[in-house]
Amino acid sequence: MCGLIAAIDDVWSSGSSEPSEIPILQNELLLEQSTDILYHRGPDGMTCYSGNVGDARYAMGHTRLAIVDPENRAADMPFQLEFDEKKIKLAANGEIYNHLSIYDELKADGWKHDRISGSDCEVIAHSFAKYGGPATAAKLDGMFAFVVFEESSDGVKAFAARDPVGIKPLYLGKALDGKGDKASGYVFASELKALVNHVVPETVKAIPAGHYWTPEEGLVCYYNPDWLRKVRE
């Protein structure tokens, strides 16, 4: 297993004219300390990354359990990949069983970008850039939880998803600003304890199995096969 923490100020989508003062987005040491809370999930490496597009700011931390392509530091996350006009930042936890077949599909569809590592999770970024978030989540066969921040001319867009069975955990909550008030941003983490002092407690929720999340849509079920609908009925 791996651990991830991610935060974003959604000034680009909230309608706010000013970014919120979210400590974890402004303090690199605080980001590192918060990521270190998850070190037991991935003792083979810890990497933090932050960036911004104008006033839109984001940050990611990842602790790696190196199973696939273990000796390659290029497989460390967060991935920071550029595909022509698209800049994808990815932090993921899990294993993608069909990553090779997804690459074959990408190539058949004209995808020209090479992998930078042998990581099975890297395919999430490539697929996201080609097909978008909802289609990517539906294509993945495996156990996973991931957060993608995509830089665009409008700022930074957020997307998060969890596998159909819910094997890998992922929580999110509304961010707290430096005064302890609700901010126009979100924080994600693999474990609840990494969210402490970063989010408004009553806003914390687990992303359900088989769902993705965006600020615009909220939670959306992407995995709803006929047999599961019959069980629910």
Protein backbone atom coordinates (compact mmCIF):
# COMPACT_ATOMS: atom_id res chain seq x y z
CA MET A 1 0.00 0.00 0.00
CA CYS A 2 0.98 3.64 -0.42
CA GLY A 3 -0.17 6.83 1.24
CA LEU A 4 -1.27 10.11 -0.27
CA ILE A 5 -2.32 13.53 0.87
CA ALA A 6 -3.40 16.30 -1.49
CA ALA A 7 -4.84 19.79 -1.13
CA ILE A 8 -6.23 22.36 -3.51
CA ASP A 9 -7.60 25.87 -3.28
CA ASP A 10 -10.49 25.81 -5.73
CA VAL A 11 -10.55 29.57 -6.34
CA TRP A 12 -10.89 28.76 -10.04
CA SER A 13 -14.28 27.04 -9.51
CA SER A 14 -15.62 28.64 -6.33
CA GLY A 15 -16.32 32.06 -7.81
CA SER A 16 -14.06 33.65 -5.19
CA SER A 17 -11.84 36.47 -6.37
CA GLU A 18 -9.18 35.74 -3.76
CA PRO A 19 -7.46 32.47 -2.76
CA SER A 20 -7.95 31.17 0.77
CA GLU A 21 -5.08 31.14 3.23
CA ILE A 22 -4.75 27.35 3.54
CA PRO A 23 -1.66 26.54 5.64
CA ILE A 24 -0.76 23.23 3.99
CA LEU A 25 -0.60 25.02 0.62
CA GLN A 26 1.71 27.72 1.94
CA ASN A 27 4.02 25.83 4.27
CA GLU A 28 6.26 23.17 2.70
CA LEU A 29 7.34 21.89 6.12
CA LEU A 30 3.70 21.38 7.14
CA LEU A 31 3.08 19.44 3.92
CA GLU A 32 6.07 17.23 4.66
CA GLN A 33 4.98 16.66 8.26
CA SER A 34 1.45 15.78 7.16
CA THR A 35 2.77 13.37 4.54
CA ASP A 36 5.07 11.78 7.10
CA ILE A 37 2.00 10.77 9.12
CA LEU A 38 1.38 8.26 6.31
CA TYR A 39 4.97 7.00 6.13
CA HIS A 40 4.01 3.59 7.53
CA ARG A 41 1.95 3.05 4.38
CA GLY A 42 4.95 3.51 2.11
CA PRO A 43 8.36 3.26 3.78
CA ASP A 44 10.28 3.08 0.48
CA GLY A 45 10.11 6.77 -0.29
CA MET A 46 8.35 10.04 0.44
CA THR A 47 7.93 12.89 -2.04
CA CYS A 48 6.07 16.20 -1.79
CA TYR A 49 5.21 18.62 -4.56
CA SER A 50 3.32 21.89 -4.76
CA GLY A 51 2.49 24.34 -7.51
CA ASN A 52 0.12 26.99 -8.72
CA VAL A 53 -1.46 28.55 -11.78
CA GLY A 54 -2.11 32.15 -10.93
CA ASP A 55 -4.04 32.18 -7.66
CA ALA A 56 -5.02 28.50 -7.92
CA ARG A 57 -2.72 26.49 -5.68
CA TYR A 58 -2.29 22.79 -5.02
CA ALA A 59 -0.02 20.41 -3.13
CA MET A 60 0.54 16.66 -3.02
CA GLY A 61 2.45 14.31 -0.77
CA HIS A 62 3.05 10.59 -1.37
CA THR A 63 4.66 7.73 0.51
CA ARG A 64 5.63 4.80 -1.68
CA LEU A 65 5.61 1.07 -1.14
CA ALA A 66 7.79 0.10 -4.09
CA ILE A 67 6.46 -3.11 -5.60
CA VAL A 68 6.29 -2.44 -9.35
CA ASP A 69 9.53 -1.00 -10.81
CA PRO A 70 10.92 -0.72 -7.28
CA GLU A 71 14.42 0.57 -8.05
CA ASN A 72 13.35 3.35 -10.40
CA ARG A 73 13.04 6.75 -8.73
CA ALA A 74 11.12 7.95 -11.78
CA ALA A 75 8.28 5.76 -10.49
CA ASP A 76 8.01 7.84 -7.32
CA MET A 77 4.84 9.87 -6.99
CA PRO A 78 3.39 12.42 -7.26
CA PHE A 79 3.85 12.08 -11.02
CA GLN A 80 4.28 15.42 -12.80
CA LEU A 81 3.69 14.69 -16.47
CA GLU A 82 3.18 16.95 -19.46
CA PHE A 83 1.31 15.74 -22.52
CA ASP A 84 1.37 18.52 -25.12
CA GLU A 85 -1.02 21.12 -23.66
CA LYS A 86 -2.02 19.03 -20.65
CA LYS A 87 -0.11 19.02 -17.36
CA ILE A 88 -1.17 16.18 -15.07
CA LYS A 89 -0.20 15.79 -11.40
CA LEU A 90 -1.05 12.35 -9.98
CA ALA A 91 -0.90 10.76 -6.54
CA ALA A 92 -2.22 7.20 -6.35
CA ASN A 93 -2.44 4.23 -4.03
CA GLY A 94 -3.01 0.74 -5.34
CA GLU A 95 -2.29 -1.59 -8.22
CA ILE A 96 -3.64 -1.41 -11.77
CA TYR A 97 -3.83 -4.94 -13.16
CA ASN A 98 -4.67 -3.97 -16.75
CA HIS A 99 -2.19 -1.15 -17.21
CA LEU A 100 -0.51 -2.82 -20.19
CA SER A 101 -3.77 -3.33 -22.06
CA ILE A 102 -4.72 0.31 -21.42
CA TYR A 103 -1.39 1.39 -22.95
CA ASP A 104 -2.16 -0.82 -25.96
CA GLU A 105 -5.54 0.90 -26.30
CA LEU A 106 -3.90 4.32 -26.00
CA LYS A 107 -1.40 3.50 -28.74
CA ALA A 108 -4.18 2.18 -30.97
CA ASP A 109 -5.94 5.52 -30.45
CA GLY A 110 -2.87 7.45 -31.57
CA TRP A 111 -1.23 8.16 -28.19
CA LYS A 112 2.41 9.09 -28.83
CA HIS A 113 3.70 9.71 -25.31
CA ASP A 114 6.14 7.23 -23.77
CA ARG A 115 6.11 6.12 -20.16
CA ILE A 116 8.76 7.51 -17.84
CA SER A 117 8.68 4.41 -15.60
CA GLY A 118 7.40 0.86 -15.29
CA SER A 119 4.89 1.89 -12.63
CA ASP A 120 1.44 0.42 -13.18
CA CYS A 121 -0.11 3.58 -11.70
CA GLU A 122 1.52 5.88 -14.27
CA VAL A 123 -1.09 4.73 -16.79
CA ILE A 124 -3.73 6.68 -14.84
CA ALA A 125 -2.10 9.95 -15.88
CA HIS A 126 -1.80 8.95 -19.54
CA SER A 127 -5.39 7.74 -19.70
CA PHE A 128 -6.63 10.84 -17.87
CA ALA A 129 -4.93 13.10 -20.40
CA LYS A 130 -6.40 11.14 -23.34
CA TYR A 131 -9.86 10.08 -22.15
CA GLY A 132 -10.66 12.25 -19.13
CA GLY A 133 -11.32 11.33 -15.51
CA PRO A 134 -14.66 9.46 -15.59
CA ALA A 135 -13.66 7.28 -18.55
CA THR A 136 -10.30 6.53 -16.94
CA ALA A 137 -11.85 5.42 -13.65
CA ALA A 138 -14.17 3.08 -15.56
CA LYS A 139 -11.27 1.57 -17.55
CA LEU A 140 -9.12 0.67 -14.56
CA ASP A 141 -9.10 -2.93 -13.35
CA GLY A 142 -7.53 -3.07 -9.94
CA MET A 143 -7.55 -1.70 -6.43
CA PHE A 144 -6.93 2.02 -6.36
CA ALA A 145 -7.55 5.45 -4.95
CA PHE A 146 -6.11 8.46 -6.70
CA VAL A 147 -6.17 12.23 -6.97
CA VAL A 148 -5.37 14.15 -10.15
CA PHE A 149 -4.75 17.88 -10.42
CA GLU A 150 -4.76 19.14 -14.00
CA GLU A 151 -3.28 22.52 -14.80
CA SER A 152 -5.23 24.45 -17.40
CA SER A 153 -5.59 28.02 -18.60
CA ASP A 154 -8.42 28.40 -16.06
CA GLY A 155 -6.32 27.25 -13.10
CA VAL A 156 -6.11 23.80 -11.55
CA LYS A 157 -8.89 21.25 -11.81
CA ALA A 158 -9.33 18.40 -9.35
CA PHE A 159 -10.49 14.82 -9.82
CA ALA A 160 -10.47 11.93 -7.33
CA ALA A 161 -11.67 8.33 -7.62
CA ARG A 162 -11.83 5.04 -5.74
CA ASP A 163 -11.96 1.47 -7.00
CA PRO A 164 -15.29 -0.35 -7.47
CA VAL A 165 -14.87 -2.52 -4.38
CA GLY A 166 -13.43 0.17 -2.12
CA ILE A 167 -10.27 -1.78 -1.29
CA LYS A 168 -8.14 1.36 -1.12
CA PRO A 169 -9.27 4.19 1.20
CA LEU A 170 -9.65 7.84 0.29
CA TYR A 171 -11.14 10.64 2.40
CA LEU A 172 -11.78 14.30 1.70
CA GLY A 173 -12.98 17.36 3.57
CA LYS A 174 -13.37 21.10 3.17
CA ALA A 175 -10.14 22.86 3.99
CA LEU A 176 -9.51 25.11 6.97
CA ASP A 177 -7.81 28.45 6.51
CA GLY A 178 -5.16 29.81 8.82
CA LYS A 179 -7.82 31.25 11.16
CA GLY A 180 -9.64 27.95 11.58
CA ASP A 181 -12.51 28.92 9.27
CA LYS A 182 -13.87 26.97 6.31
CA ALA A 183 -11.91 27.76 3.14
CA SER A 184 -12.70 27.44 -0.54
CA GLY A 185 -10.58 24.35 -0.95
CA TYR A 186 -10.32 20.64 -0.23
CA VAL A 187 -7.89 18.21 1.36
CA PHE A 188 -7.64 14.48 0.53
CA ALA A 189 -5.83 11.72 2.41
CA SER A 190 -5.49 7.95 2.63
CA GLU A 191 -6.15 8.03 6.37
CA LEU A 192 -8.31 10.24 8.58
CA LYS A 193 -5.49 11.19 10.93
CA ALA A 194 -3.66 12.98 8.11
CA LEU A 195 -6.65 15.34 7.78
CA VAL A 196 -6.57 16.51 11.41
CA ASN A 197 -6.23 20.31 11.68
CA HIS A 198 -6.51 20.63 7.89
CA VAL A 199 -10.26 20.21 7.37
CA VAL A 200 -13.61 21.09 8.92
CA PRO A 201 -14.42 17.84 10.81
CA GLU A 202 -18.12 17.71 9.92
CA THR A 203 -17.32 17.93 6.21
CA VAL A 204 -15.11 14.83 6.14
CA LYS A 205 -16.39 11.92 4.07
CA ALA A 206 -15.04 8.77 2.51
CA ILE A 207 -15.30 8.65 -1.24
CA PRO A 208 -17.57 5.61 -1.71
CA ALA A 209 -16.47 2.55 -3.64
CA GLY A 210 -17.01 2.93 -7.37
CA HIS A 211 -17.34 6.72 -7.23
CA TYR A 212 -15.39 9.67 -8.51
CA TRP A 213 -15.49 13.25 -7.22
CA THR A 214 -15.05 16.71 -8.72
CA PRO A 215 -15.83 20.13 -7.21
CA GLU A 216 -18.42 20.72 -9.92
CA GLU A 217 -20.29 17.41 -9.73
CA GLY A 218 -19.57 16.21 -6.22
CA LEU A 219 -19.71 12.41 -5.86
CA VAL A 220 -20.70 10.46 -8.97
CA CYS A 221 -21.11 6.69 -9.24
CA TYR A 222 -19.14 5.44 -12.25
CA TYR A 223 -19.46 1.72 -11.43
CA ASN A 224 -23.07 0.60 -11.63
CA PRO A 225 -23.32 -2.71 -13.52
CA ASP A 226 -26.64 -4.43 -14.10
CA TRP A 227 -25.97 -7.14 -11.51
CA LEU A 228 -25.20 -4.56 -8.84
CA ARG A 229 -28.33 -2.57 -9.63
CA LYS A 230 -30.36 -5.76 -9.16
CA VAL A 231 -28.71 -6.39 -5.78
CA ARG A 232 -29.56 -2.86 -4.65
CA GLU A 233 -33.15 -3.27 -5.79
